């Protein structure tokens, strides 16, 4: 019997959802997660906070950050917020320099912030293409380099987990984000080697179809078929992705670097995913 699709996880769910790790797994450590005010980033912030980390969430919308932080503080967790646009390399450099000077550098960076919109690649505008590339590829790089430089200069190790996407087969309707995320994957594999001498590990988590607040950008007809994207025939949850990040960032992942942990219900093996809806061409029966 197929399980029902996981629903959206609110603050109460994130505060009480079961998890397999010991409660003090990240005690004494600091986490910085981008896009931490909602969706996957919010779930990551909650899980790491519940596991003892001091959490810093960043994002562009103050209201979302404040609401998430208030809910976490009410549960006794340690969390702070910063307004940050990851496309702004100067602001990122200032952030990490300031954290370094204050003795508050993160031990773990999770690059979660990103964005895309469903559209056939042939219709991309230059502005639309550049917007996704600048956020998902360039923004991730600015954060990675900013953290790594401070870790290197301070003579301390670090851990980076990049949230990417499942790209082995491509993703029709999302060519821009596939290009950007594939860039992040191979960037991660490359610097995992270059930065090993500094004690910096770099890995990726590649989610499949995840039930989160960002789903409203997709056409309802396309979204209705998303359960056919994997052999489990359901959505994953933001908690699934958060737990994968916790594993890679923990001592359990201490000998893992340059890898991609795929969390997609088997979607890279079987299933159809049409972000902008399935074209009639692929729905018609071949009569030849």
Protein backbone atom coordinates (compact mmCIF):
# COMPACT_ATOMS: atom_id res chain seq x y z
CA UNK A 1 0.00 0.00 0.00
CA UNK A 2 1.33 3.44 -0.95
CA UNK A 3 1.80 5.89 1.93
CA UNK A 4 -0.02 9.19 1.82
CA UNK A 5 2.05 12.17 0.74
CA UNK A 6 3.67 14.03 3.66
CA UNK A 7 1.96 17.33 4.30
CA UNK A 8 3.46 20.74 4.94
CA UNK A 9 5.32 20.82 8.25
CA UNK A 10 4.45 23.78 10.46
CA UNK A 11 6.39 24.98 13.50
CA UNK A 12 4.60 22.60 15.87
CA UNK A 13 5.39 19.65 13.63
CA UNK A 14 9.04 20.68 13.32
CA UNK A 15 9.31 21.09 17.08
CA UNK A 16 7.98 17.61 17.82
CA UNK A 17 8.71 15.43 14.81
CA UNK A 18 10.68 12.28 15.58
CA UNK A 19 14.32 12.15 14.56
CA UNK A 20 17.00 9.44 14.91
CA UNK A 21 19.91 11.47 16.32
CA UNK A 22 21.07 11.98 19.90
CA UNK A 23 19.81 15.30 21.33
CA UNK A 24 23.27 16.83 21.84
CA UNK A 25 24.70 15.85 18.43
CA UNK A 26 25.65 19.44 17.53
CA UNK A 27 26.09 20.88 21.03
CA UNK A 28 28.77 23.57 21.03
CA UNK A 29 28.59 24.01 17.25
CA UNK A 30 27.23 26.79 15.08
CA UNK A 31 25.12 26.39 11.95
CA UNK A 32 24.46 28.96 9.25
CA UNK A 33 21.63 28.04 6.89
CA UNK A 34 20.59 30.28 4.01
CA UNK A 35 16.93 30.58 3.16
CA UNK A 36 16.19 29.48 6.70
CA UNK A 37 12.88 31.26 7.10
CA UNK A 38 10.77 28.75 5.21
CA UNK A 39 10.66 25.38 3.47
CA UNK A 40 13.66 23.09 3.57
CA UNK A 41 15.87 25.70 5.22
CA UNK A 42 13.40 26.12 8.05
CA UNK A 43 13.31 22.37 8.69
CA UNK A 44 17.12 22.29 8.74
CA UNK A 45 17.23 25.15 11.23
CA UNK A 46 14.75 23.39 13.51
CA UNK A 47 16.49 20.02 13.42
CA UNK A 48 19.99 21.36 14.04
CA UNK A 49 18.64 23.64 16.77
CA UNK A 50 16.93 20.71 18.47
CA UNK A 51 20.24 18.84 18.26
CA UNK A 52 22.04 21.55 20.22
CA UNK A 53 23.47 23.85 17.54
CA UNK A 54 23.42 27.64 17.79
CA UNK A 55 21.62 28.50 14.55
CA UNK A 56 21.93 31.55 12.31
CA UNK A 57 19.26 31.75 9.61
CA UNK A 58 19.56 34.16 6.71
CA UNK A 59 17.16 35.26 4.01
CA UNK A 60 15.73 38.26 2.20
CA UNK A 61 12.41 38.52 4.05
CA UNK A 62 12.61 39.79 7.61
CA UNK A 63 9.09 38.68 8.53
CA UNK A 64 9.74 35.03 7.68
CA UNK A 65 13.04 35.02 9.54
CA UNK A 66 11.50 36.66 12.59
CA UNK A 67 8.57 34.24 12.70
CA UNK A 68 10.81 31.19 12.45
CA UNK A 69 13.22 32.51 15.07
CA UNK A 70 10.40 33.37 17.49
CA UNK A 71 8.94 29.87 17.25
CA UNK A 72 12.34 28.28 17.83
CA UNK A 73 13.19 30.55 20.76
CA UNK A 74 9.84 29.65 22.33
CA UNK A 75 11.05 26.04 22.36
CA UNK A 76 14.28 27.03 24.11
CA UNK A 77 16.48 26.88 21.02
CA UNK A 78 19.35 29.25 20.22
CA UNK A 79 18.77 31.15 16.97
CA UNK A 80 19.68 34.46 15.38
CA UNK A 81 18.72 36.03 12.04
CA UNK A 82 20.40 38.13 9.36
CA UNK A 83 18.94 39.73 6.26
CA UNK A 84 21.07 38.55 3.35
CA UNK A 85 20.82 38.36 -0.43
CA UNK A 86 23.18 35.58 -1.49
CA UNK A 87 23.62 37.27 -4.88
CA UNK A 88 25.49 40.09 -3.12
CA UNK A 89 29.10 38.95 -2.86
CA UNK A 90 30.20 42.03 -0.90
CA UNK A 91 27.48 41.56 1.71
CA UNK A 92 28.51 37.92 2.11
CA UNK A 93 32.17 38.85 2.57
CA UNK A 94 31.17 41.39 5.21
CA UNK A 95 28.98 38.82 6.97
CA UNK A 96 31.73 36.23 7.30
CA UNK A 97 34.35 38.80 8.26
CA UNK A 98 32.04 40.12 10.96
CA UNK A 99 31.28 36.65 12.27
CA UNK A 100 34.97 35.86 12.34
CA UNK A 101 35.82 39.00 14.27
CA UNK A 102 33.05 38.28 16.76
CA UNK A 103 34.18 34.69 17.28
CA UNK A 104 30.90 33.43 15.87
CA UNK A 105 31.95 31.68 12.66
CA UNK A 106 29.69 28.77 11.79
CA UNK A 107 31.12 25.28 12.01
CA UNK A 108 28.56 24.15 9.44
CA UNK A 109 27.21 25.98 6.41
CA UNK A 110 24.12 24.70 4.65
CA UNK A 111 23.55 26.44 1.33
CA UNK A 112 19.81 26.08 0.94
CA UNK A 113 18.66 29.42 -0.52
CA UNK A 114 17.70 29.31 -4.16
CA UNK A 115 14.84 29.69 -6.54
CA UNK A 116 13.51 28.80 -9.94
CA UNK A 117 10.32 28.96 -11.97
CA UNK A 118 8.83 26.32 -14.27
CA UNK A 119 9.13 27.13 -17.98
CA UNK A 120 10.12 25.48 -21.23
CA UNK A 121 13.79 26.27 -21.87
CA UNK A 122 13.12 27.55 -25.38
CA UNK A 123 11.13 30.43 -23.87
CA UNK A 124 13.63 31.56 -21.21
CA UNK A 125 14.40 35.27 -21.23
CA UNK A 126 17.95 36.42 -20.61
CA UNK A 127 16.77 38.00 -17.35
CA UNK A 128 15.03 34.81 -16.20
CA UNK A 129 18.03 32.63 -17.02
CA UNK A 130 20.49 34.95 -15.29
CA UNK A 131 18.26 35.28 -12.23
CA UNK A 132 18.32 31.53 -11.57
CA UNK A 133 22.03 31.14 -12.37
CA UNK A 134 22.99 34.11 -10.17
CA UNK A 135 21.02 32.77 -7.22
CA UNK A 136 21.53 29.03 -7.41
CA UNK A 137 25.10 28.87 -8.71
CA UNK A 138 26.81 32.19 -8.00
CA UNK A 139 25.10 32.72 -4.66
CA UNK A 140 26.06 29.25 -3.47
CA UNK A 141 29.66 29.87 -4.53
CA UNK A 142 29.90 33.23 -2.75
CA UNK A 143 28.74 31.56 0.48
CA UNK A 144 31.10 28.59 0.07
CA UNK A 145 34.14 30.76 -0.61
CA UNK A 146 33.31 33.25 2.13
CA UNK A 147 33.09 30.52 4.75
CA UNK A 148 36.11 28.60 3.48
CA UNK A 149 38.37 31.65 3.49
CA UNK A 150 37.53 32.40 7.10
CA UNK A 151 38.04 28.78 8.13
CA UNK A 152 41.38 28.62 6.33
CA UNK A 153 42.61 31.92 7.73
CA UNK A 154 41.52 30.93 11.23
CA UNK A 155 43.12 27.50 10.99
CA UNK A 156 39.87 25.72 11.76
CA UNK A 157 37.91 22.97 9.99
CA UNK A 158 34.47 23.40 8.48
CA UNK A 159 31.63 21.56 6.82
CA UNK A 160 29.52 22.65 3.85
CA UNK A 161 26.33 20.98 2.67
CA UNK A 162 24.85 22.31 -0.57
CA UNK A 163 21.20 21.70 -1.39
CA UNK A 164 21.08 20.92 -5.11
CA UNK A 165 18.68 18.92 -7.27
CA UNK A 166 18.55 15.52 -8.91
CA UNK A 167 20.18 16.06 -12.31
CA UNK A 168 21.32 12.71 -13.85
CA UNK A 169 18.34 12.61 -16.24
CA UNK A 170 17.61 16.31 -16.52
CA UNK A 171 14.36 17.94 -15.46
CA UNK A 172 12.11 19.26 -18.25
CA UNK A 173 10.74 22.67 -17.34
CA UNK A 174 13.73 23.40 -15.13
CA UNK A 175 16.75 23.55 -17.42
CA UNK A 176 18.01 26.73 -15.76
CA UNK A 177 18.10 25.24 -12.26
CA UNK A 178 19.53 21.96 -13.59
CA UNK A 179 22.40 23.89 -15.15
CA UNK A 180 23.00 25.87 -11.98
CA UNK A 181 22.75 22.93 -9.60
CA UNK A 182 24.92 20.71 -11.78
CA UNK A 183 27.48 23.49 -11.55
CA UNK A 184 27.24 23.44 -7.76
CA UNK A 185 27.65 19.65 -7.71
CA UNK A 186 30.85 19.66 -9.72
CA UNK A 187 32.10 22.76 -7.94
CA UNK A 188 31.60 20.85 -4.68
CA UNK A 189 33.44 17.80 -5.96
CA UNK A 190 36.36 19.97 -7.07
CA UNK A 191 36.78 22.05 -3.91
CA UNK A 192 36.27 18.95 -1.77
CA UNK A 193 39.70 17.98 -3.05
CA UNK A 194 41.24 21.47 -2.97
CA UNK A 195 40.00 22.23 0.54
CA UNK A 196 40.72 18.87 2.15
CA UNK A 197 44.08 20.23 3.35
CA UNK A 198 42.18 22.78 5.44
CA UNK A 199 39.92 20.20 7.04
CA UNK A 200 36.90 21.42 5.09
CA UNK A 201 34.38 18.84 3.90
CA UNK A 202 31.96 19.69 1.07
CA UNK A 203 28.95 17.56 0.17
CA UNK A 204 25.57 17.94 -1.50
CA UNK A 205 22.04 16.78 -0.76
CA UNK A 206 19.82 16.39 -3.83
CA UNK A 207 16.10 16.39 -2.96
CA UNK A 208 13.45 15.12 -5.30
CA UNK A 209 9.86 16.33 -5.06
CA UNK A 210 9.47 17.76 -1.57
CA UNK A 211 6.24 19.06 -0.07
CA UNK A 212 6.99 22.62 1.05
CA UNK A 213 5.62 26.13 0.92
CA UNK A 214 7.33 26.74 -2.44
CA UNK A 215 5.01 24.39 -4.30
CA UNK A 216 2.57 27.17 -5.18
CA UNK A 217 4.81 28.36 -8.05
CA UNK A 218 3.86 25.26 -10.04
CA UNK A 219 0.72 24.92 -12.14
CA UNK A 220 -1.89 22.82 -10.31
CA UNK A 221 -2.16 20.39 -13.23
CA UNK A 222 1.61 19.84 -13.25
CA UNK A 223 1.70 19.53 -9.46
CA UNK A 224 -1.05 16.91 -9.52
CA UNK A 225 1.28 14.58 -11.43
CA UNK A 226 4.34 15.11 -9.25
CA UNK A 227 3.60 11.91 -7.32
CA UNK A 228 4.53 10.04 -10.51
CA UNK A 229 8.09 11.34 -10.28
CA UNK A 230 9.31 8.39 -8.20
CA UNK A 231 8.48 4.73 -7.54
CA UNK A 232 7.19 5.54 -4.04
CA UNK A 233 4.57 7.70 -5.80
CA UNK A 234 4.59 10.41 -3.17
CA UNK A 235 6.25 13.60 -2.05
CA UNK A 236 9.11 13.69 0.41
CA UNK A 237 9.09 16.06 3.37
CA UNK A 238 11.40 18.89 4.34
CA UNK A 239 12.29 16.77 7.39
CA UNK A 240 13.69 14.06 5.10
CA UNK A 241 16.11 16.59 3.63
CA UNK A 242 17.01 18.06 7.02
CA UNK A 243 17.93 14.62 8.37
CA UNK A 244 20.18 13.96 5.37
CA UNK A 245 21.98 17.23 6.07
CA UNK A 246 22.40 16.34 9.73
CA UNK A 247 23.97 13.00 8.83
CA UNK A 248 26.50 14.56 6.45
CA UNK A 249 27.37 17.34 8.91
CA UNK A 250 27.75 15.00 11.88
CA UNK A 251 30.65 12.83 12.97
CA UNK A 252 28.88 10.01 11.15
CA UNK A 253 29.83 11.70 7.90
CA UNK A 254 33.37 12.56 8.94
CA UNK A 255 34.93 10.48 6.15
CA UNK A 256 32.54 11.69 3.45
CA UNK A 257 33.42 14.56 1.13
CA UNK A 258 32.65 15.40 -2.48
CA UNK A 259 29.51 13.26 -2.49
CA UNK A 260 25.88 13.78 -3.45
CA UNK A 261 23.27 12.20 -1.17
CA UNK A 262 20.07 11.83 -3.21
CA UNK A 263 16.77 12.03 -1.31
CA UNK A 264 14.18 11.45 -4.02
CA UNK A 265 12.27 8.25 -3.32
CA UNK A 266 14.07 6.54 -6.19
CA UNK A 267 13.15 9.22 -8.70
CA UNK A 268 16.49 9.11 -10.45
CA UNK A 269 15.75 5.47 -11.29
CA UNK A 270 12.10 5.64 -12.34
CA UNK A 271 9.38 8.22 -12.84
CA UNK A 272 8.42 11.29 -14.82
CA UNK A 273 8.86 14.87 -13.67
CA UNK A 274 7.56 17.69 -15.83
CA UNK A 275 7.93 20.93 -13.88
CA UNK A 276 5.85 22.93 -16.35
CA UNK A 277 3.42 20.15 -17.20
CA UNK A 278 3.68 17.25 -19.63
CA UNK A 279 3.48 18.38 -23.28
CA UNK A 280 0.89 16.76 -25.53
CA UNK A 281 3.71 15.45 -27.71
CA UNK A 282 4.76 13.05 -24.94
CA UNK A 283 1.20 12.15 -24.00
CA UNK A 284 0.03 11.10 -27.45
CA UNK A 285 0.10 7.44 -28.45
CA UNK A 286 2.62 6.78 -31.21
CA UNK A 287 0.64 5.54 -34.22
CA UNK A 288 3.62 4.89 -36.50
